[in-house]
Amino acid sequence: MLTKEDDINKKIQLTKKILDNVYEILELFKPLLSKMIKMPEAKDYKENGTFEKAILLFGKISDLCEEIEDSSFPSKTFLKSLGN
């Protein structure tokens, strides 16, 4: 039977694996994304704030990753985001 701390650690490890996979996917698509941004159609996404929103979301993910790495025990903010 898992203790609450074991359960939290398991969730942290799963979250880290997910984020590692997202990072790897983005690295694989980086050349394609670079070309897509240069396309004329990308202007609409620049103007309507889609790119800005994506940048903000990735910034939030990055902040959470740093929070996970920097603390031996997860903060209340991180635990709340996990639904605890």
C-alpha atoms as a PDB file:
ATOM      1  CA  MET A   1       0.000   0.000   0.000  1.00  0.00           C
ATOM      2  CA  LEU A   2       1.328   3.411  -0.970  1.00  0.00           C
ATOM      3  CA  THR A   3       1.622   6.110   1.635  1.00  0.00           C
ATOM      4  CA  LYS A   4       0.525   9.631   0.807  1.00  0.00           C
ATOM      5  CA  GLU A   5       4.175  10.652   0.347  1.00  0.00           C
ATOM      6  CA  ASP A   6       4.807   7.682  -1.974  1.00  0.00           C
ATOM      7  CA  ASP A   7       1.718   8.632  -3.957  1.00  0.00           C
ATOM      8  CA  ILE A   8       2.916  12.227  -4.283  1.00  0.00           C
ATOM      9  CA  ASN A   9       6.378  11.079  -5.372  1.00  0.00           C
ATOM     10  CA  LYS A  10       4.829   8.755  -7.952  1.00  0.00           C
ATOM     11  CA  LYS A  11       2.762  11.636  -9.359  1.00  0.00           C
ATOM     12  CA  ILE A  12       5.857  13.818  -9.506  1.00  0.00           C
ATOM     13  CA  GLN A  13       7.793  11.152 -11.402  1.00  0.00           C
ATOM     14  CA  LEU A  14       4.924  10.628 -13.845  1.00  0.00           C
ATOM     15  CA  THR A  15       4.640  14.376 -14.402  1.00  0.00           C
ATOM     16  CA  LYS A  16       8.376  14.584 -15.048  1.00  0.00           C
ATOM     17  CA  LYS A  17       8.181  11.748 -17.596  1.00  0.00           C
ATOM     18  CA  ILE A  18       5.301  13.494 -19.376  1.00  0.00           C
ATOM     19  CA  LEU A  19       7.197  16.769 -19.506  1.00  0.00           C
ATOM     20  CA  ASP A  20      10.338  15.027 -20.755  1.00  0.00           C
ATOM     21  CA  ASN A  21       8.278  13.483 -23.555  1.00  0.00           C
ATOM     22  CA  VAL A  22       6.701  16.842 -24.452  1.00  0.00           C
ATOM     23  CA  TYR A  23      10.166  18.396 -24.608  1.00  0.00           C
ATOM     24  CA  GLU A  24      11.432  15.598 -26.864  1.00  0.00           C
ATOM     25  CA  ILE A  25       8.424  15.961 -29.181  1.00  0.00           C
ATOM     26  CA  LEU A  26       8.975  19.706 -29.459  1.00  0.00           C
ATOM     27  CA  GLU A  27      12.645  19.155 -30.264  1.00  0.00           C
ATOM     28  CA  LEU A  28      11.680  16.710 -33.014  1.00  0.00           C
ATOM     29  CA  PHE A  29       9.197  19.170 -34.513  1.00  0.00           C
ATOM     30  CA  LYS A  30      11.425  22.232 -34.090  1.00  0.00           C
ATOM     31  CA  PRO A  31      12.551  22.353 -37.763  1.00  0.00           C
ATOM     32  CA  LEU A  32       8.964  21.980 -38.983  1.00  0.00           C
ATOM     33  CA  LEU A  33       7.668  24.623 -36.568  1.00  0.00           C
ATOM     34  CA  SER A  34      10.388  27.036 -37.673  1.00  0.00           C
ATOM     35  CA  LYS A  35       9.259  26.650 -41.295  1.00  0.00           C
ATOM     36  CA  MET A  36       5.573  26.938 -40.386  1.00  0.00           C
ATOM     37  CA  ILE A  37       6.121  30.219 -38.525  1.00  0.00           C
ATOM     38  CA  LYS A  38       7.599  31.721 -41.705  1.00  0.00           C
ATOM     39  CA  MET A  39       4.506  30.833 -43.774  1.00  0.00           C
ATOM     40  CA  PRO A  40       2.118  33.664 -44.708  1.00  0.00           C
ATOM     41  CA  GLU A  41      -0.742  31.895 -42.896  1.00  0.00           C
ATOM     42  CA  ALA A  42       1.158  32.192 -39.607  1.00  0.00           C
ATOM     43  CA  LYS A  43       0.451  35.930 -39.603  1.00  0.00           C
ATOM     44  CA  ASP A  44      -3.124  35.247 -38.398  1.00  0.00           C
ATOM     45  CA  TYR A  45      -1.828  33.285 -35.403  1.00  0.00           C
ATOM     46  CA  LYS A  46       0.651  36.028 -34.562  1.00  0.00           C
ATOM     47  CA  GLU A  47      -2.072  38.672 -34.709  1.00  0.00           C
ATOM     48  CA  ASN A  48      -4.725  36.800 -32.719  1.00  0.00           C
ATOM     49  CA  GLY A  49      -2.358  36.003 -29.837  1.00  0.00           C
ATOM     50  CA  THR A  50      -2.130  32.239 -30.328  1.00  0.00           C
ATOM     51  CA  PHE A  51       1.670  32.263 -30.296  1.00  0.00           C
ATOM     52  CA  GLU A  52       1.761  34.543 -27.266  1.00  0.00           C
ATOM     53  CA  LYS A  53      -0.619  32.246 -25.364  1.00  0.00           C
ATOM     54  CA  ALA A  54       1.469  29.176 -26.245  1.00  0.00           C
ATOM     55  CA  ILE A  55       4.619  30.933 -25.024  1.00  0.00           C
ATOM     56  CA  LEU A  56       2.879  31.829 -21.750  1.00  0.00           C
ATOM     57  CA  LEU A  57       1.726  28.237 -21.223  1.00  0.00           C
ATOM     58  CA  PHE A  58       5.193  26.843 -21.879  1.00  0.00           C
ATOM     59  CA  GLY A  59       6.555  29.406 -19.432  1.00  0.00           C
ATOM     60  CA  LYS A  60       4.156  28.140 -16.765  1.00  0.00           C
ATOM     61  CA  ILE A  61       5.213  24.549 -17.484  1.00  0.00           C
ATOM     62  CA  SER A  62       8.845  25.567 -17.187  1.00  0.00           C
ATOM     63  CA  ASP A  63       8.187  27.276 -13.843  1.00  0.00           C
ATOM     64  CA  LEU A  64       6.472  24.143 -12.509  1.00  0.00           C
ATOM     65  CA  CYS A  65       9.384  21.994 -13.675  1.00  0.00           C
ATOM     66  CA  GLU A  66      11.840  24.248 -11.865  1.00  0.00           C
ATOM     67  CA  GLU A  67       9.677  24.107  -8.760  1.00  0.00           C
ATOM     68  CA  ILE A  68       9.696  20.309  -8.875  1.00  0.00           C
ATOM     69  CA  GLU A  69      13.467  20.163  -9.339  1.00  0.00           C
ATOM     70  CA  ASP A  70      14.296  22.813  -6.720  1.00  0.00           C
ATOM     71  CA  SER A  71      12.410  21.362  -3.801  1.00  0.00           C
ATOM     72  CA  SER A  72      12.750  18.102  -1.979  1.00  0.00           C
ATOM     73  CA  PHE A  73       9.098  18.328  -0.974  1.00  0.00           C
ATOM     74  CA  PRO A  74       6.496  19.647  -3.402  1.00  0.00           C
ATOM     75  CA  SER A  75       5.001  23.039  -2.703  1.00  0.00           C
ATOM     76  CA  LYS A  76       1.325  23.594  -1.985  1.00  0.00           C
ATOM     77  CA  THR A  77       0.929  25.143  -5.454  1.00  0.00           C
ATOM     78  CA  PHE A  78       2.258  22.034  -7.153  1.00  0.00           C
ATOM     79  CA  LEU A  79       0.228  19.683  -4.968  1.00  0.00           C
ATOM     80  CA  LYS A  80      -2.889  21.714  -5.710  1.00  0.00           C
ATOM     81  CA  SER A  81      -2.218  21.407  -9.447  1.00  0.00           C
ATOM     82  CA  LEU A  82      -2.093  17.615  -8.992  1.00  0.00           C
ATOM     83  CA  GLY A  83      -5.477  17.657  -7.308  1.00  0.00           C
ATOM     84  CA  ASN A  84      -4.285  16.990  -3.745  1.00  0.00           C
END
